[in-house]
């Protein structure tokens, strides 16, 4: 069988390095890598960021890229100006800053995992900037698999998740699900187990979608375009002056 290579992008939108959100992403990433390492549920995938083994869709190789907004200097995190220039040019006028690098990484990935702490019942300012400026590249998801890891002190998971899932829906992501933990991630055994399983599910789903897309492209080349057209369906929003 042909080896499927699944590229995973894990984005930490917390400005705090190495804290709860990073720790929860560690577990999701470990789950992703376990699919390619041959490790089962609950196994320790170690710190390696690549591997390959037999998967149910054939041979699966997983490659993980990790990015955190804390890596960027203040002037590399530019916010949307609302100028709508991107609607005409197809690119953001903010230029080649860290958020543009994140968008480029999303474009080349099969799975995109957002790690998000709850700030005032919603996503962080950095996460919102990533979502807002993706307008230039809609639909940036385009059949990619999304997953979410949320950390919070108390309330706010539902409203934070709503913001992210609206972004996924507008951008044609296929959502694999989410995990949320309260307080210290290191204390939450069940939460870490769920995060690990979410990583496995996201990679499995991406591999299945790749197989289906490959079959659709082959059918299209043979003159049958129906399956490919169905898979490339885009969500449609029409209200007031905004139509996507």
Protein backbone atom coordinates (compact mmCIF):
# COMPACT_ATOMS: atom_id res chain seq x y z
CA UNK A 1 0.00 0.00 0.00
CA UNK A 2 1.01 3.61 -0.58
CA UNK A 3 2.25 5.40 2.52
CA UNK A 4 0.05 8.31 3.59
CA UNK A 5 1.99 11.26 5.01
CA UNK A 6 -0.08 13.31 7.42
CA UNK A 7 1.26 16.75 8.31
CA UNK A 8 0.06 18.05 11.68
CA UNK A 9 0.28 21.68 12.76
CA UNK A 10 -0.13 22.46 16.47
CA UNK A 11 -0.63 26.16 17.24
CA UNK A 12 -0.42 27.43 20.80
CA UNK A 13 -2.29 30.74 20.93
CA UNK A 14 -1.35 31.37 24.56
CA UNK A 15 1.33 34.01 25.17
CA UNK A 16 2.63 31.86 28.06
CA UNK A 17 5.22 29.27 27.05
CA UNK A 18 5.34 25.86 28.70
CA UNK A 19 2.19 26.31 30.77
CA UNK A 20 -1.17 24.52 30.76
CA UNK A 21 -1.99 24.99 27.06
CA UNK A 22 1.43 23.76 25.95
CA UNK A 23 1.08 20.77 28.28
CA UNK A 24 -2.34 19.87 26.87
CA UNK A 25 -1.00 20.18 23.33
CA UNK A 26 1.81 17.79 24.35
CA UNK A 27 -0.82 15.09 24.91
CA UNK A 28 -2.66 15.75 21.64
CA UNK A 29 0.63 15.62 19.74
CA UNK A 30 1.59 12.38 21.50
CA UNK A 31 -1.70 10.90 20.30
CA UNK A 32 -1.02 12.04 16.74
CA UNK A 33 2.43 10.49 16.75
CA UNK A 34 1.21 7.24 18.29
CA UNK A 35 -0.67 6.43 15.08
CA UNK A 36 2.56 6.45 13.10
CA UNK A 37 4.76 4.95 15.83
CA UNK A 38 2.49 1.93 16.22
CA UNK A 39 1.83 2.73 19.88
CA UNK A 40 -1.65 1.98 21.17
CA UNK A 41 -3.97 4.13 23.25
CA UNK A 42 -2.36 5.28 26.44
CA UNK A 43 1.15 4.45 25.26
CA UNK A 44 3.99 6.87 25.69
CA UNK A 45 4.92 8.20 22.26
CA UNK A 46 8.02 9.90 23.67
CA UNK A 47 9.37 13.20 22.45
CA UNK A 48 9.97 12.23 18.81
CA UNK A 49 8.18 14.40 16.29
CA UNK A 50 8.00 11.95 13.40
CA UNK A 51 7.48 8.25 12.77
CA UNK A 52 5.78 5.70 10.57
CA UNK A 53 3.97 2.38 10.89
CA UNK A 54 1.04 0.49 9.45
CA UNK A 55 -2.32 2.22 9.82
CA UNK A 56 -5.85 1.07 8.96
CA UNK A 57 -5.80 3.05 5.71
CA UNK A 58 -2.39 1.70 4.80
CA UNK A 59 1.01 2.88 5.96
CA UNK A 60 0.78 6.21 7.80
CA UNK A 61 3.61 8.63 8.53
CA UNK A 62 2.97 11.59 10.83
CA UNK A 63 4.98 14.80 10.83
CA UNK A 64 4.33 17.46 13.45
CA UNK A 65 5.12 21.18 13.27
CA UNK A 66 4.61 23.19 16.42
CA UNK A 67 4.18 26.97 16.58
CA UNK A 68 3.48 29.26 19.53
CA UNK A 69 2.56 32.93 19.48
CA UNK A 70 5.05 33.46 22.31
CA UNK A 71 7.82 32.90 19.73
CA UNK A 72 7.00 36.17 17.97
CA UNK A 73 8.15 39.69 18.75
CA UNK A 74 5.40 42.23 19.40
CA UNK A 75 5.74 43.77 15.94
CA UNK A 76 5.32 40.33 14.33
CA UNK A 77 1.75 39.91 15.59
CA UNK A 78 -0.23 42.43 13.58
CA UNK A 79 -3.99 42.65 13.93
CA UNK A 80 -6.59 42.88 11.18
CA UNK A 81 -7.22 46.48 10.05
CA UNK A 82 -10.64 45.78 8.57
CA UNK A 83 -9.54 47.42 5.33
CA UNK A 84 -10.89 44.67 3.05
CA UNK A 85 -7.89 45.07 0.73
CA UNK A 86 -7.44 41.29 0.86
CA UNK A 87 -10.81 40.84 -0.84
CA UNK A 88 -9.30 42.44 -3.96
CA UNK A 89 -5.70 41.22 -3.78
CA UNK A 90 -6.01 37.79 -2.13
CA UNK A 91 -3.28 38.66 0.36
CA UNK A 92 -3.09 40.52 3.66
CA UNK A 93 -1.57 44.01 3.69
CA UNK A 94 -0.01 43.33 7.10
CA UNK A 95 2.84 41.59 5.31
CA UNK A 96 5.05 38.65 6.17
CA UNK A 97 4.76 38.62 9.96
CA UNK A 98 4.37 35.65 12.31
CA UNK A 99 0.64 35.33 11.65
CA UNK A 100 1.34 35.07 7.91
CA UNK A 101 3.80 32.29 8.74
CA UNK A 102 1.04 30.51 10.66
CA UNK A 103 -1.33 30.86 7.71
CA UNK A 104 1.34 29.44 5.37
CA UNK A 105 1.82 26.51 7.75
CA UNK A 106 -1.94 25.87 7.84
CA UNK A 107 -2.00 25.79 4.04
CA UNK A 108 0.61 23.01 3.95
CA UNK A 109 -0.91 20.89 6.76
CA UNK A 110 -3.49 18.11 6.86
CA UNK A 111 -4.40 18.52 10.54
CA UNK A 112 -4.53 21.84 12.41
CA UNK A 113 -4.74 21.80 16.21
CA UNK A 114 -5.50 25.03 18.05
CA UNK A 115 -4.36 25.25 21.66
CA UNK A 116 -6.36 28.02 23.32
CA UNK A 117 -6.58 29.34 26.89
CA UNK A 118 -9.83 31.07 27.85
CA UNK A 119 -9.43 34.84 28.19
CA UNK A 120 -12.62 36.63 29.31
CA UNK A 121 -14.87 33.81 28.06
CA UNK A 122 -13.29 33.68 24.62
CA UNK A 123 -10.10 33.12 22.65
CA UNK A 124 -6.90 35.14 23.17
CA UNK A 125 -6.25 38.30 21.17
CA UNK A 126 -3.52 36.45 19.29
CA UNK A 127 -5.90 33.64 18.33
CA UNK A 128 -8.52 36.15 17.17
CA UNK A 129 -5.92 37.85 14.97
CA UNK A 130 -5.07 34.51 13.35
CA UNK A 131 -8.76 33.92 12.64
CA UNK A 132 -9.56 37.45 11.45
CA UNK A 133 -6.63 37.72 9.07
CA UNK A 134 -7.43 34.34 7.54
CA UNK A 135 -10.14 36.23 5.62
CA UNK A 136 -7.48 36.83 2.96
CA UNK A 137 -7.24 33.09 2.31
CA UNK A 138 -10.80 31.82 2.78
CA UNK A 139 -11.50 28.99 2.90
CA UNK A 140 -8.13 28.32 4.52
CA UNK A 141 -9.39 25.00 5.94
CA UNK A 142 -10.40 23.57 2.57
CA UNK A 143 -11.04 20.01 3.80
CA UNK A 144 -8.30 19.94 6.44
CA UNK A 145 -8.99 18.37 9.83
CA UNK A 146 -9.27 20.70 12.83
CA UNK A 147 -9.06 19.92 16.54
CA UNK A 148 -9.13 22.10 19.65
CA UNK A 149 -7.42 21.93 23.05
CA UNK A 150 -8.82 24.45 25.55
CA UNK A 151 -7.52 25.34 29.01
CA UNK A 152 -9.28 27.56 31.52
CA UNK A 153 -9.49 28.53 35.17
CA UNK A 154 -13.24 28.07 35.54
CA UNK A 155 -15.99 28.97 33.04
CA UNK A 156 -15.86 29.99 29.38
CA UNK A 157 -15.27 26.75 27.48
CA UNK A 158 -18.57 26.84 25.57
CA UNK A 159 -18.21 30.43 24.33
CA UNK A 160 -14.56 29.90 23.42
CA UNK A 161 -15.41 26.72 21.54
CA UNK A 162 -18.22 28.52 19.70
CA UNK A 163 -15.79 31.14 18.40
CA UNK A 164 -13.39 28.48 17.14
CA UNK A 165 -16.04 26.26 15.58
CA UNK A 166 -17.53 29.25 13.76
CA UNK A 167 -14.07 29.87 12.30
CA UNK A 168 -13.77 26.20 11.31
CA UNK A 169 -17.20 26.23 9.67
CA UNK A 170 -16.55 29.42 7.67
CA UNK A 171 -13.25 27.99 6.42
CA UNK A 172 -14.39 24.45 5.50
CA UNK A 173 -12.43 22.53 8.12
CA UNK A 174 -13.58 19.01 9.02
CA UNK A 175 -13.67 19.14 12.81
CA UNK A 176 -12.39 16.13 14.76
CA UNK A 177 -13.49 17.45 18.15
CA UNK A 178 -12.11 19.10 21.25
CA UNK A 179 -10.78 18.63 24.76
CA UNK A 180 -10.88 21.05 27.68
CA UNK A 181 -9.20 21.03 31.09
CA UNK A 182 -9.68 23.25 34.13
CA UNK A 183 -6.84 24.37 36.37
CA UNK A 184 -3.51 22.57 36.14
CA UNK A 185 -3.25 20.29 33.11
CA UNK A 186 -0.72 18.12 34.93
CA UNK A 187 -3.39 17.14 37.51
CA UNK A 188 -6.02 16.12 34.96
CA UNK A 189 -5.45 12.44 34.15
CA UNK A 190 -8.76 12.02 32.30
CA UNK A 191 -8.27 15.24 30.36
CA UNK A 192 -4.84 14.13 29.21
CA UNK A 193 -6.24 10.77 28.12
CA UNK A 194 -8.97 12.49 26.10
CA UNK A 195 -6.38 14.81 24.53
CA UNK A 196 -4.28 11.80 23.50
CA UNK A 197 -7.33 10.17 21.92
CA UNK A 198 -8.21 13.39 20.11
CA UNK A 199 -4.80 13.39 18.46
CA UNK A 200 -5.27 9.81 17.28
CA UNK A 201 -8.74 10.58 15.93
CA UNK A 202 -7.56 13.67 14.04
CA UNK A 203 -4.79 11.74 12.25
CA UNK A 204 -7.08 8.80 11.44
CA UNK A 205 -9.69 11.16 10.02
CA UNK A 206 -7.10 13.00 7.94
CA UNK A 207 -5.81 9.71 6.52
CA UNK A 208 -9.35 8.64 5.60
CA UNK A 209 -10.01 11.97 3.91
CA UNK A 210 -6.77 11.74 1.95
CA UNK A 211 -7.72 8.27 0.72
CA UNK A 212 -11.13 9.56 -0.34
CA UNK A 213 -9.69 12.63 -2.07
CA UNK A 214 -7.19 10.44 -3.93
CA UNK A 215 -10.04 8.23 -5.14
CA UNK A 216 -12.07 11.29 -6.15
CA UNK A 217 -9.16 12.77 -8.11
CA UNK A 218 -8.63 9.47 -9.90
CA UNK A 219 -12.33 9.32 -10.78
CA UNK A 220 -12.23 12.92 -11.97
CA UNK A 221 -9.29 12.14 -14.25
CA UNK A 222 -11.35 9.29 -15.68
CA UNK A 223 -14.22 11.66 -16.44
CA UNK A 224 -16.37 11.28 -13.30
CA UNK A 225 -16.24 14.59 -11.40
CA UNK A 226 -19.21 14.07 -9.07
CA UNK A 227 -17.31 12.78 -5.99
CA UNK A 228 -14.66 15.49 -6.20
CA UNK A 229 -17.30 18.20 -6.58
CA UNK A 230 -19.12 16.87 -3.51
CA UNK A 231 -15.93 16.86 -1.44
CA UNK A 232 -15.06 20.40 -2.50
CA UNK A 233 -18.41 21.76 -1.33
CA UNK A 234 -18.01 25.10 0.47
CA UNK A 235 -20.23 26.47 3.22
CA UNK A 236 -22.25 29.53 2.21
CA UNK A 237 -23.12 32.48 4.42
CA UNK A 238 -25.33 35.29 3.12
CA UNK A 239 -26.56 38.03 5.40
CA UNK A 240 -26.69 41.80 5.07
CA UNK A 241 -23.73 43.03 3.05
CA UNK A 242 -21.56 39.97 3.68
CA UNK A 243 -21.70 36.94 1.41
CA UNK A 244 -19.12 34.17 1.55
